[in-house]
Amino acid sequence: MASTIFNASSSLPATLKGLDCNTYKPTLGNLRFIASPNKKSITAPKRRVLPLAKATSDVPVKTGLSDAECEAAVAAGNVPEAPPVPPTPLAPAGTPVVPSLPLSRRPRRNRRSPALRAAFQETSISPANFVYPLFIHEGEEDTPIGAMPGCYRLGWRHGLLEEVAKARDVGVNSIVLFPKVPDALKTPTGDEAYNEHGLVPRTIRLLKDKFPGIVIYTDVALDPYSSDGHDGIVREDGVIMNDETVHQLCKQAVAQARAGADVVSPSDMMDGRVGAIRDALDDAGFQHVLIMSYTAKYASSFYGPFREALDSNPRFGDKKTYQMNPANYREAMVEVHEDESEGADILLVKPGLPYLDIIRQIRDNSALPIAAYQVSGEYSMIKAGGMLKMIDEEKVMMESLLCLRRAGADIILTYFALQAARCLCGEKR
């Protein structure tokens, strides 16, 4: 705003206040009055810059002038002082003097400041995007998992409840359960998978009682319950039996839904299991339960720490006859089309970061929500790099999660869920 010089009528009092609307406190010597019998008139003498009056708090002092008086001051030519134009920053000695490039578009302009970068950021991430994988067991104590620093097999009645409460405090309201099943309960046909008094159904009922608003995802597969360590029933010649396994998975999914699961997640990669599970759920009255299909689950080497956590390594062979070949890209769309047609509600890609191209491909070709699983090997590598001071763990963690979102994932299953949510909420690790 500004101080002014007024041409005022002779009836104006001589005690007129100073006219700098923000800071300037003039005396009568700063004012010029020209008598007029009819009305006020304004002259425009030589423009003057009036100094700022500093207050003790470095906030300019207000003078109580009206908007009209401030505007009249500016029109009269008295301009209040403002900070000077900043000097042009100097280049270091030896910098060549060159003409400006004839560029009509300079993308760096949109990256000049933190405020601009934040305004134009295309991808966001929040705790609502996380699903927190939690390992549970029958014991009361929490057992650390050596290959996954910071992760534990949680006692289902104690440590699990504490961990879920911590996650909810920072906005993570979705979890997925993975059980460590006692060896004595494992069989070739994995019947414990659909025991309604088993570890997973009991845990679901407990969590729903303690945290009614939580979203519970469950794993539908036989490997935690199989004495062979495979996702399906194994024939004597080593072949994984598809249709017989799907029969077991349907019973498992219904048992989990009956306990209160919100989302059942077949991770087995058997053909036709999504449609069969959808029919089984609907027939049992669970039309509201979602299916998150592990649509593109690759036979990856990144799963090692997870299998240690659940003691679920195959007793022989590998899983390459049912999980996808890491070399294949187009095959993912075959699985997408099948799962969509069979009634899947969410499509998942596993692993995550090494398969960003698959996430993007599915995102561009499906309207369904996309999930990405940042698997145990991805987690452990970042943790190890951070512990060895080779990388900044927190920054790499957040960048990796943001990249999964940028590729097209709506939700991310990640062991970093609690740590990342705390970071997003401004808490220290």
Protein backbone atom coordinates (compact mmCIF):
# COMPACT_ATOMS: atom_id res chain seq x y z
CA MET A 1 0.00 0.00 0.00
CA ALA A 2 1.10 3.67 -0.07
CA SER A 3 1.37 7.09 1.55
CA THR A 4 -0.39 9.87 -0.33
CA ILE A 5 -0.57 13.57 -0.99
CA PHE A 6 -4.15 14.77 -0.95
CA ASN A 7 -5.82 17.83 -2.44
CA ALA A 8 -8.57 18.19 0.15
CA SER A 9 -11.27 20.73 0.83
CA SER A 10 -10.53 23.48 3.33
CA SER A 11 -12.98 21.87 5.73
CA LEU A 12 -10.67 18.88 6.36
CA PRO A 13 -9.20 19.03 9.87
CA ALA A 14 -5.58 19.89 10.26
CA THR A 15 -5.12 16.79 12.40
CA LEU A 16 -5.56 14.38 9.46
CA LYS A 17 -3.72 11.15 10.14
CA GLY A 18 -0.72 9.93 8.15
CA LEU A 19 -1.72 8.25 4.92
CA ASP A 20 0.62 5.24 4.54
CA CYS A 21 -1.97 2.47 4.77
CA ASN A 22 0.47 -0.03 6.19
CA THR A 23 3.63 1.43 7.62
CA TYR A 24 4.30 5.05 6.94
CA LYS A 25 3.44 7.62 9.64
CA PRO A 26 3.69 11.04 7.98
CA THR A 27 3.38 14.42 9.63
CA LEU A 28 1.39 17.33 8.23
CA GLY A 29 4.53 18.30 6.35
CA ASN A 30 3.97 15.25 4.19
CA LEU A 31 0.53 16.44 3.15
CA ARG A 32 -0.38 19.02 0.56
CA PHE A 33 -3.85 20.57 0.79
CA ILE A 34 -5.45 22.58 -1.98
CA ALA A 35 -8.66 24.32 -1.00
CA SER A 36 -11.69 23.52 -3.13
CA PRO A 37 -15.16 24.96 -2.47
CA ASN A 38 -16.99 21.93 -3.87
CA LYS A 39 -15.08 18.68 -3.55
CA LYS A 40 -11.78 16.98 -2.96
CA SER A 41 -9.39 16.92 -5.85
CA ILE A 42 -6.25 14.92 -6.32
CA THR A 43 -3.00 16.14 -7.78
CA ALA A 44 -0.19 13.91 -8.86
CA PRO A 45 3.09 15.49 -7.79
CA LYS A 46 6.42 13.87 -8.38
CA ARG A 47 6.31 10.22 -7.31
CA ARG A 48 8.04 9.61 -4.02
CA VAL A 49 9.12 6.34 -2.40
CA LEU A 50 8.37 6.44 1.30
CA PRO A 51 10.41 4.35 3.72
CA LEU A 52 8.93 1.42 5.60
CA ALA A 53 8.36 1.85 9.31
CA LYS A 54 9.71 -1.21 11.06
CA ALA A 55 7.88 -2.73 13.99
CA THR A 56 9.65 -4.69 16.66
CA SER A 57 8.24 -7.95 15.20
CA ASP A 58 9.36 -7.06 11.64
CA VAL A 59 5.69 -6.82 10.66
CA PRO A 60 4.82 -3.47 9.04
CA VAL A 61 2.77 -1.18 11.29
CA LYS A 62 -0.83 -0.55 10.24
CA THR A 63 -2.07 3.05 10.27
CA GLY A 64 -5.79 2.38 10.17
CA LEU A 65 -6.39 4.04 6.78
CA SER A 66 -9.32 3.01 4.63
CA ASP A 67 -8.94 1.26 1.29
CA ALA A 68 -9.92 4.51 -0.48
CA GLU A 69 -7.22 6.46 1.31
CA CYS A 70 -4.62 3.80 0.45
CA GLU A 71 -5.62 3.86 -3.20
CA ALA A 72 -5.57 7.66 -3.24
CA ALA A 73 -2.05 7.55 -1.83
CA VAL A 74 -0.85 5.38 -4.69
CA ALA A 75 -2.59 7.57 -7.28
CA ALA A 76 -0.98 10.63 -5.73
CA GLY A 77 2.47 9.26 -6.41
CA ASN A 78 3.75 8.28 -2.99
CA VAL A 79 4.88 4.66 -3.24
CA PRO A 80 5.70 2.73 -0.07
CA GLU A 81 9.10 1.15 0.14
CA ALA A 82 9.43 -2.55 -0.75
CA PRO A 83 12.42 -4.89 -0.85
CA PRO A 84 14.67 -4.25 -3.86
CA VAL A 85 14.85 -6.47 -6.90
CA PRO A 86 17.23 -9.30 -5.96
CA PRO A 87 20.59 -9.26 -7.73
CA THR A 88 21.30 -11.73 -10.52
CA PRO A 89 23.21 -14.69 -9.03
CA LEU A 90 26.78 -14.90 -10.25
CA ALA A 91 28.10 -17.93 -12.12
CA PRO A 92 31.39 -19.41 -10.94
CA ALA A 93 34.60 -18.06 -12.40
CA GLY A 94 35.42 -19.58 -15.75
CA THR A 95 31.82 -20.17 -16.79
CA PRO A 96 31.59 -19.61 -20.57
CA VAL A 97 29.42 -16.76 -21.81
CA VAL A 98 27.00 -18.18 -24.33
CA PRO A 99 23.78 -16.96 -25.97
CA SER A 100 20.54 -18.41 -24.64
CA LEU A 101 19.35 -21.50 -26.45
CA PRO A 102 16.28 -20.74 -28.62
CA LEU A 103 13.96 -22.96 -26.56
CA SER A 104 10.23 -22.33 -26.41
CA ARG A 105 9.79 -25.13 -23.89
CA ARG A 106 12.03 -25.57 -20.86
CA PRO A 107 10.62 -28.39 -18.68
CA ARG A 108 12.94 -27.42 -15.81
CA ARG A 109 10.78 -24.33 -15.20
CA ASN A 110 8.15 -26.60 -13.63
CA ARG A 111 10.76 -28.05 -11.28
CA ARG A 112 12.27 -24.80 -9.98
CA SER A 113 10.99 -24.93 -6.41
CA PRO A 114 9.52 -27.38 -3.89
CA ALA A 115 6.14 -25.65 -4.17
CA LEU A 116 6.05 -26.02 -7.96
CA ARG A 117 7.21 -29.63 -7.81
CA ALA A 118 4.49 -30.43 -5.28
CA ALA A 119 1.84 -28.66 -7.35
CA PHE A 120 2.65 -30.66 -10.48
CA GLN A 121 3.30 -34.06 -8.84
CA GLU A 122 1.41 -36.68 -10.82
CA THR A 123 1.52 -39.59 -8.35
CA SER A 124 0.61 -39.56 -4.69
CA ILE A 125 0.86 -42.16 -1.96
CA SER A 126 -0.84 -42.46 1.40
CA PRO A 127 -1.27 -45.07 4.16
CA ALA A 128 -4.63 -45.95 2.60
CA ASN A 129 -2.71 -47.47 -0.33
CA PHE A 130 -0.96 -50.03 1.90
CA VAL A 131 -1.93 -53.57 2.81
CA TYR A 132 0.23 -54.83 5.69
CA PRO A 133 1.32 -58.51 5.44
CA LEU A 134 1.53 -60.08 8.90
CA PHE A 135 2.88 -63.49 9.86
CA ILE A 136 1.07 -65.28 12.67
CA HIS A 137 1.69 -68.43 14.70
CA GLU A 138 0.17 -70.34 17.57
CA GLY A 139 2.70 -69.20 20.17
CA GLU A 140 2.40 -66.30 22.57
CA GLU A 141 5.78 -64.73 21.90
CA ASP A 142 6.84 -62.82 18.79
CA THR A 143 9.61 -64.63 16.93
CA PRO A 144 12.00 -62.51 14.81
CA ILE A 145 12.49 -63.57 11.20
CA GLY A 146 16.21 -63.58 10.52
CA ALA A 147 16.05 -62.82 6.81
CA MET A 148 13.53 -60.00 7.28
CA PRO A 149 14.83 -57.47 9.84
CA GLY A 150 11.95 -55.84 11.69
CA CYS A 151 9.46 -58.60 10.85
CA TYR A 152 8.17 -61.25 13.25
CA ARG A 153 5.95 -64.25 13.51
CA LEU A 154 3.39 -62.65 15.77
CA GLY A 155 1.47 -64.39 18.51
CA TRP A 156 -2.09 -64.27 17.20
CA ARG A 157 -3.63 -63.24 20.54
CA HIS A 158 -1.01 -60.74 21.67
CA GLY A 159 1.68 -59.37 19.34
CA LEU A 160 -0.67 -59.33 16.38
CA LEU A 161 -3.18 -57.12 18.15
CA GLU A 162 -0.43 -54.71 19.17
CA GLU A 163 0.93 -54.52 15.62
CA VAL A 164 -2.50 -53.93 14.10
CA ALA A 165 -3.19 -51.17 16.63
CA LYS A 166 0.09 -49.46 15.68
CA ALA A 167 -0.78 -49.68 11.99
CA ARG A 168 -4.25 -48.26 12.48
CA ASP A 169 -2.82 -45.35 14.46
CA VAL A 170 -1.05 -44.16 11.28
CA GLY A 171 -3.84 -44.88 8.83
CA VAL A 172 -3.09 -48.44 7.69
CA ASN A 173 -6.44 -50.21 7.94
CA SER A 174 -5.83 -53.21 5.67
CA ILE A 175 -3.84 -56.32 6.55
CA VAL A 176 -3.21 -59.71 4.98
CA LEU A 177 -2.58 -62.79 7.13
CA PHE A 178 0.00 -65.53 6.53
CA PRO A 179 0.03 -68.45 8.99
CA LYS A 180 2.95 -70.53 10.25
CA VAL A 181 1.15 -73.86 10.61
CA PRO A 182 2.49 -76.56 12.96
CA ASP A 183 4.12 -79.42 11.05
CA ALA A 184 1.86 -81.91 12.83
CA LEU A 185 -1.14 -80.39 11.03
CA LYS A 186 0.34 -80.52 7.55
CA THR A 187 -0.92 -83.22 5.16
CA PRO A 188 -0.56 -84.01 1.44
CA THR A 189 -4.05 -82.62 0.78
CA GLY A 190 -3.79 -79.59 3.10
CA ASP A 191 -7.07 -80.24 4.90
CA GLU A 192 -6.15 -77.85 7.73
CA ALA A 193 -6.62 -75.01 5.23
CA TYR A 194 -10.40 -75.15 5.68
CA ASN A 195 -10.57 -76.04 9.37
CA GLU A 196 -12.96 -73.40 10.72
CA HIS A 197 -11.22 -73.63 14.09
CA GLY A 198 -7.80 -73.28 12.51
CA LEU A 199 -5.31 -70.48 13.09
CA VAL A 200 -6.51 -68.15 10.34
CA PRO A 201 -10.28 -68.32 11.03
CA ARG A 202 -9.67 -67.86 14.76
CA THR A 203 -7.45 -64.87 14.08
CA ILE A 204 -9.98 -63.27 11.74
CA ARG A 205 -12.72 -63.55 14.34
CA LEU A 206 -10.47 -62.05 17.02
CA LEU A 207 -9.43 -59.12 14.82
CA LYS A 208 -12.98 -58.35 13.77
CA ASP A 209 -14.00 -58.35 17.43
CA LYS A 210 -11.20 -55.97 18.46
CA PHE A 211 -11.08 -53.81 15.31
CA PRO A 212 -14.48 -53.89 13.58
CA GLY A 213 -13.45 -51.45 10.84
CA ILE A 214 -10.35 -53.28 9.71
CA VAL A 215 -10.15 -54.80 6.20
CA ILE A 216 -8.79 -58.35 6.33
CA TYR A 217 -7.25 -60.01 3.28
CA THR A 218 -6.48 -63.73 3.44
CA ASP A 219 -4.18 -65.99 1.46
CA VAL A 220 -5.86 -68.85 -0.38
CA ALA A 221 -3.31 -71.56 -1.18
CA LEU A 222 -2.28 -74.93 0.21
CA ASP A 223 1.48 -74.42 0.68
CA PRO A 224 1.36 -73.42 4.39
CA TYR A 225 -0.76 -76.53 5.08
CA SER A 226 0.89 -79.00 2.71
CA SER A 227 3.42 -81.54 3.88
CA ASP A 228 4.96 -81.19 0.41
CA GLY A 229 5.26 -77.38 0.56
CA HIS A 230 3.50 -76.84 -2.75
CA ASP A 231 0.47 -74.68 -3.49
CA GLY A 232 -1.53 -77.70 -4.60
CA ILE A 233 -1.96 -81.42 -4.14
CA VAL A 234 1.05 -83.34 -5.49
CA ARG A 235 0.60 -86.56 -7.42
CA GLU A 236 3.11 -89.38 -6.88
CA ASP A 237 4.90 -88.48 -10.11
CA GLY A 238 5.41 -84.89 -8.89
CA VAL A 239 2.61 -83.29 -10.94
CA ILE A 240 0.57 -80.58 -9.18
CA MET A 241 -3.08 -81.60 -9.56
CA ASN A 242 -5.11 -78.62 -10.75
CA ASP A 243 -8.84 -79.38 -10.41
CA GLU A 244 -8.51 -81.32 -7.17
CA THR A 245 -6.54 -78.46 -5.69
CA VAL A 246 -9.21 -75.95 -6.77
CA HIS A 247 -11.78 -78.04 -4.89
CA GLN A 248 -9.75 -77.62 -1.69
CA LEU A 249 -9.23 -73.91 -2.30
CA CYS A 250 -12.97 -73.31 -2.58
CA LYS A 251 -13.51 -74.84 0.85
CA GLN A 252 -10.65 -72.76 2.23
CA ALA A 253 -12.07 -69.50 0.82
CA VAL A 254 -15.54 -70.20 2.22
CA ALA A 255 -14.11 -70.99 5.67
CA GLN A 256 -12.23 -67.68 5.65
CA ALA A 257 -15.28 -65.75 4.48
CA ARG A 258 -17.42 -67.35 7.19
CA ALA A 259 -14.90 -66.19 9.80
CA GLY A 260 -15.22 -62.60 8.54
CA ALA A 261 -12.59 -62.13 5.82
CA ASP A 262 -13.28 -59.15 3.56
CA VAL A 263 -11.04 -60.20 0.67
CA VAL A 264 -9.89 -63.72 -0.20
CA SER A 265 -6.72 -63.87 -2.27
CA PRO A 266 -5.96 -67.02 -4.26
CA SER A 267 -2.18 -67.06 -4.72
CA ASP A 268 -1.89 -70.65 -5.98
CA MET A 269 -2.00 -69.96 -9.75
CA MET A 270 -4.23 -72.96 -10.51
CA ASP A 271 -6.29 -72.62 -13.68
CA GLY A 272 -9.96 -71.76 -13.17
CA ARG A 273 -9.74 -71.17 -9.44
CA VAL A 274 -11.15 -67.62 -9.48
CA GLY A 275 -14.42 -68.66 -11.11
CA ALA A 276 -14.77 -71.71 -8.88
CA ILE A 277 -14.13 -69.68 -5.73
CA ARG A 278 -16.61 -67.00 -6.85
CA ASP A 279 -19.28 -69.65 -7.32
CA ALA A 280 -18.50 -71.26 -3.96
CA LEU A 281 -18.66 -67.94 -2.13
CA ASP A 282 -21.92 -66.96 -3.80
CA ASP A 283 -23.49 -70.33 -3.11
CA ALA A 284 -22.56 -69.98 0.59
CA GLY A 285 -24.10 -66.49 0.81
CA PHE A 286 -20.87 -64.49 0.65
CA GLN A 287 -21.60 -62.43 -2.45
CA HIS A 288 -20.10 -59.39 -0.69
CA VAL A 289 -16.65 -60.94 -0.24
CA LEU A 290 -14.05 -59.72 -2.75
CA ILE A 291 -11.55 -61.85 -4.64
CA MET A 292 -8.06 -60.44 -5.13
CA SER A 293 -6.49 -62.80 -7.63
CA TYR A 294 -2.74 -63.26 -7.83
CA THR A 295 -3.09 -62.76 -11.57
CA ALA A 296 0.56 -62.50 -12.59
CA LYS A 297 2.55 -64.37 -9.95
CA TYR A 298 5.98 -65.17 -11.27
CA ALA A 299 8.25 -68.06 -10.31
CA SER A 300 10.63 -65.59 -8.73
CA SER A 301 13.81 -65.86 -6.69
CA PHE A 302 12.67 -62.89 -4.59
CA TYR A 303 10.46 -65.07 -2.34
CA GLY A 304 13.21 -66.68 -0.23
CA PRO A 305 12.79 -64.74 3.04
CA PHE A 306 9.00 -65.29 2.98
CA ARG A 307 9.42 -69.05 2.78
CA GLU A 308 11.75 -68.91 5.76
CA ALA A 309 9.10 -66.97 7.68
CA LEU A 310 6.47 -69.66 7.11
CA ASP A 311 8.74 -72.68 6.77
CA SER A 312 6.94 -73.41 3.50
CA ASN A 313 9.72 -74.25 1.06
CA PRO A 314 8.79 -77.02 -1.39
CA ARG A 315 10.09 -80.37 -0.18
CA PHE A 316 11.14 -81.12 -3.75
CA GLY A 317 11.29 -79.40 -7.12
CA ASP A 318 10.08 -75.88 -7.76
CA LYS A 319 6.87 -74.06 -8.64
CA LYS A 320 7.56 -73.38 -12.29
CA THR A 321 4.72 -75.56 -13.60
CA TYR A 322 2.11 -73.22 -12.12
CA GLN A 323 3.79 -69.88 -11.44
CA MET A 324 4.71 -67.74 -14.46
CA ASN A 325 8.03 -67.59 -16.29
CA PRO A 326 9.84 -64.31 -15.42
CA ALA A 327 10.76 -64.00 -19.10
CA ASN A 328 7.14 -63.68 -20.20
CA TYR A 329 5.25 -60.43 -20.77
CA ARG A 330 2.31 -61.23 -23.06
CA GLU A 331 1.30 -64.24 -20.97
CA ALA A 332 0.25 -61.88 -18.18
CA MET A 333 -2.63 -60.65 -20.35
CA VAL A 334 -3.85 -64.22 -20.80
CA GLU A 335 -4.16 -64.47 -17.02
CA VAL A 336 -5.79 -61.03 -16.83
CA HIS A 337 -8.50 -61.97 -19.32
CA GLU A 338 -9.23 -65.23 -17.52
CA ASP A 339 -9.43 -63.64 -14.07
CA GLU A 340 -11.63 -60.79 -15.28
CA SER A 341 -14.03 -63.17 -16.99
CA GLU A 342 -14.19 -65.40 -13.89
CA GLY A 343 -15.15 -62.56 -11.55
CA ALA A 344 -11.98 -61.26 -9.92
CA ASP A 345 -12.39 -57.91 -8.16
CA ILE A 346 -8.68 -57.01 -7.86
CA LEU A 347 -5.71 -58.10 -10.00
CA LEU A 348 -2.34 -58.57 -8.31
CA VAL A 349 1.20 -58.64 -9.69
CA LYS A 350 3.94 -60.37 -7.70
CA PRO A 351 6.81 -59.46 -7.25
CA GLY A 352 6.52 -55.70 -7.50
CA LEU A 353 9.49 -53.53 -8.42
CA PRO A 354 11.15 -55.95 -10.90
CA TYR A 355 7.80 -56.22 -12.71
CA LEU A 356 6.79 -52.57 -13.17
CA ASP A 357 6.28 -53.22 -16.88
CA ILE A 358 3.68 -55.88 -16.08
CA ILE A 359 1.86 -53.56 -13.67
CA ARG A 360 1.73 -50.85 -16.34
CA GLN A 361 0.60 -53.29 -19.01
CA ILE A 362 -2.30 -54.50 -16.87
CA ARG A 363 -3.15 -50.95 -15.79
CA ASP A 364 -3.43 -49.89 -19.43
CA ASN A 365 -5.63 -52.85 -20.33
CA SER A 366 -7.94 -53.35 -17.36
CA ALA A 367 -10.37 -51.13 -15.47
CA LEU A 368 -10.12 -53.29 -12.34
CA PRO A 369 -8.09 -52.17 -9.30
CA ILE A 370 -4.47 -53.27 -9.47
CA ALA A 371 -2.42 -54.54 -6.52
CA ALA A 372 1.35 -54.95 -6.39
CA TYR A 373 3.17 -57.14 -3.88
CA GLN A 374 6.52 -55.73 -2.76
CA VAL A 375 7.79 -59.13 -1.75
CA SER A 376 10.14 -60.25 1.01
CA GLY A 377 13.26 -60.21 -1.15
CA GLU A 378 12.64 -56.61 -2.17
CA TYR A 379 12.10 -55.66 1.48
CA SER A 380 15.19 -57.48 2.72
CA MET A 381 17.47 -55.96 0.09
CA ILE A 382 16.47 -52.43 1.08
CA LYS A 383 16.85 -53.30 4.76
CA ALA A 384 20.30 -54.82 4.20
CA GLY A 385 21.46 -51.84 2.14
CA GLY A 386 20.28 -49.49 4.85
CA MET A 387 21.95 -51.46 7.65
CA LEU A 388 25.24 -51.43 5.72
CA LYS A 389 24.90 -47.66 5.13
CA MET A 390 25.06 -48.26 1.38
CA ILE A 391 21.74 -46.49 0.80
CA ASP A 392 19.38 -44.19 2.68
CA GLU A 393 16.82 -46.81 3.75
CA GLU A 394 13.93 -44.43 4.27
CA LYS A 395 14.37 -42.59 0.98
CA VAL A 396 14.80 -45.79 -1.02
CA MET A 397 11.78 -47.32 0.73
CA MET A 398 9.56 -44.37 -0.16
CA GLU A 399 10.88 -44.15 -3.72
CA SER A 400 10.24 -47.84 -4.33
CA LEU A 401 6.66 -47.54 -3.11
CA LEU A 402 6.06 -44.41 -5.17
CA CYS A 403 7.35 -46.21 -8.27
CA LEU A 404 4.83 -49.01 -7.75
CA ARG A 405 2.07 -46.42 -7.54
CA ARG A 406 3.38 -44.59 -10.61
CA ALA A 407 3.37 -47.82 -12.61
CA GLY A 408 -0.34 -48.17 -11.89
CA ALA A 409 -0.83 -50.00 -8.59
CA ASP A 410 -3.82 -48.85 -6.58
CA ILE A 411 -2.75 -50.78 -3.49
CA ILE A 412 0.60 -52.18 -2.39
CA LEU A 413 1.18 -55.20 -0.17
CA THR A 414 4.37 -54.23 1.64
CA TYR A 415 6.23 -55.15 4.81
CA PHE A 416 7.16 -51.46 4.96
CA ALA A 417 3.51 -50.49 5.53
CA LEU A 418 3.92 -49.39 9.16
CA GLN A 419 7.31 -47.73 8.66
CA ALA A 420 6.25 -45.95 5.47
CA ALA A 421 2.97 -44.77 7.01
CA ARG A 422 4.86 -43.32 9.95
CA CYS A 423 7.14 -41.54 7.52
CA LEU A 424 4.16 -40.11 5.64
CA CYS A 425 2.61 -39.01 8.92
CA GLY A 426 5.80 -37.21 9.94
CA GLU A 427 6.85 -39.61 12.68
CA LYS A 428 10.39 -40.76 13.19
CA ARG A 429 11.24 -44.37 12.47
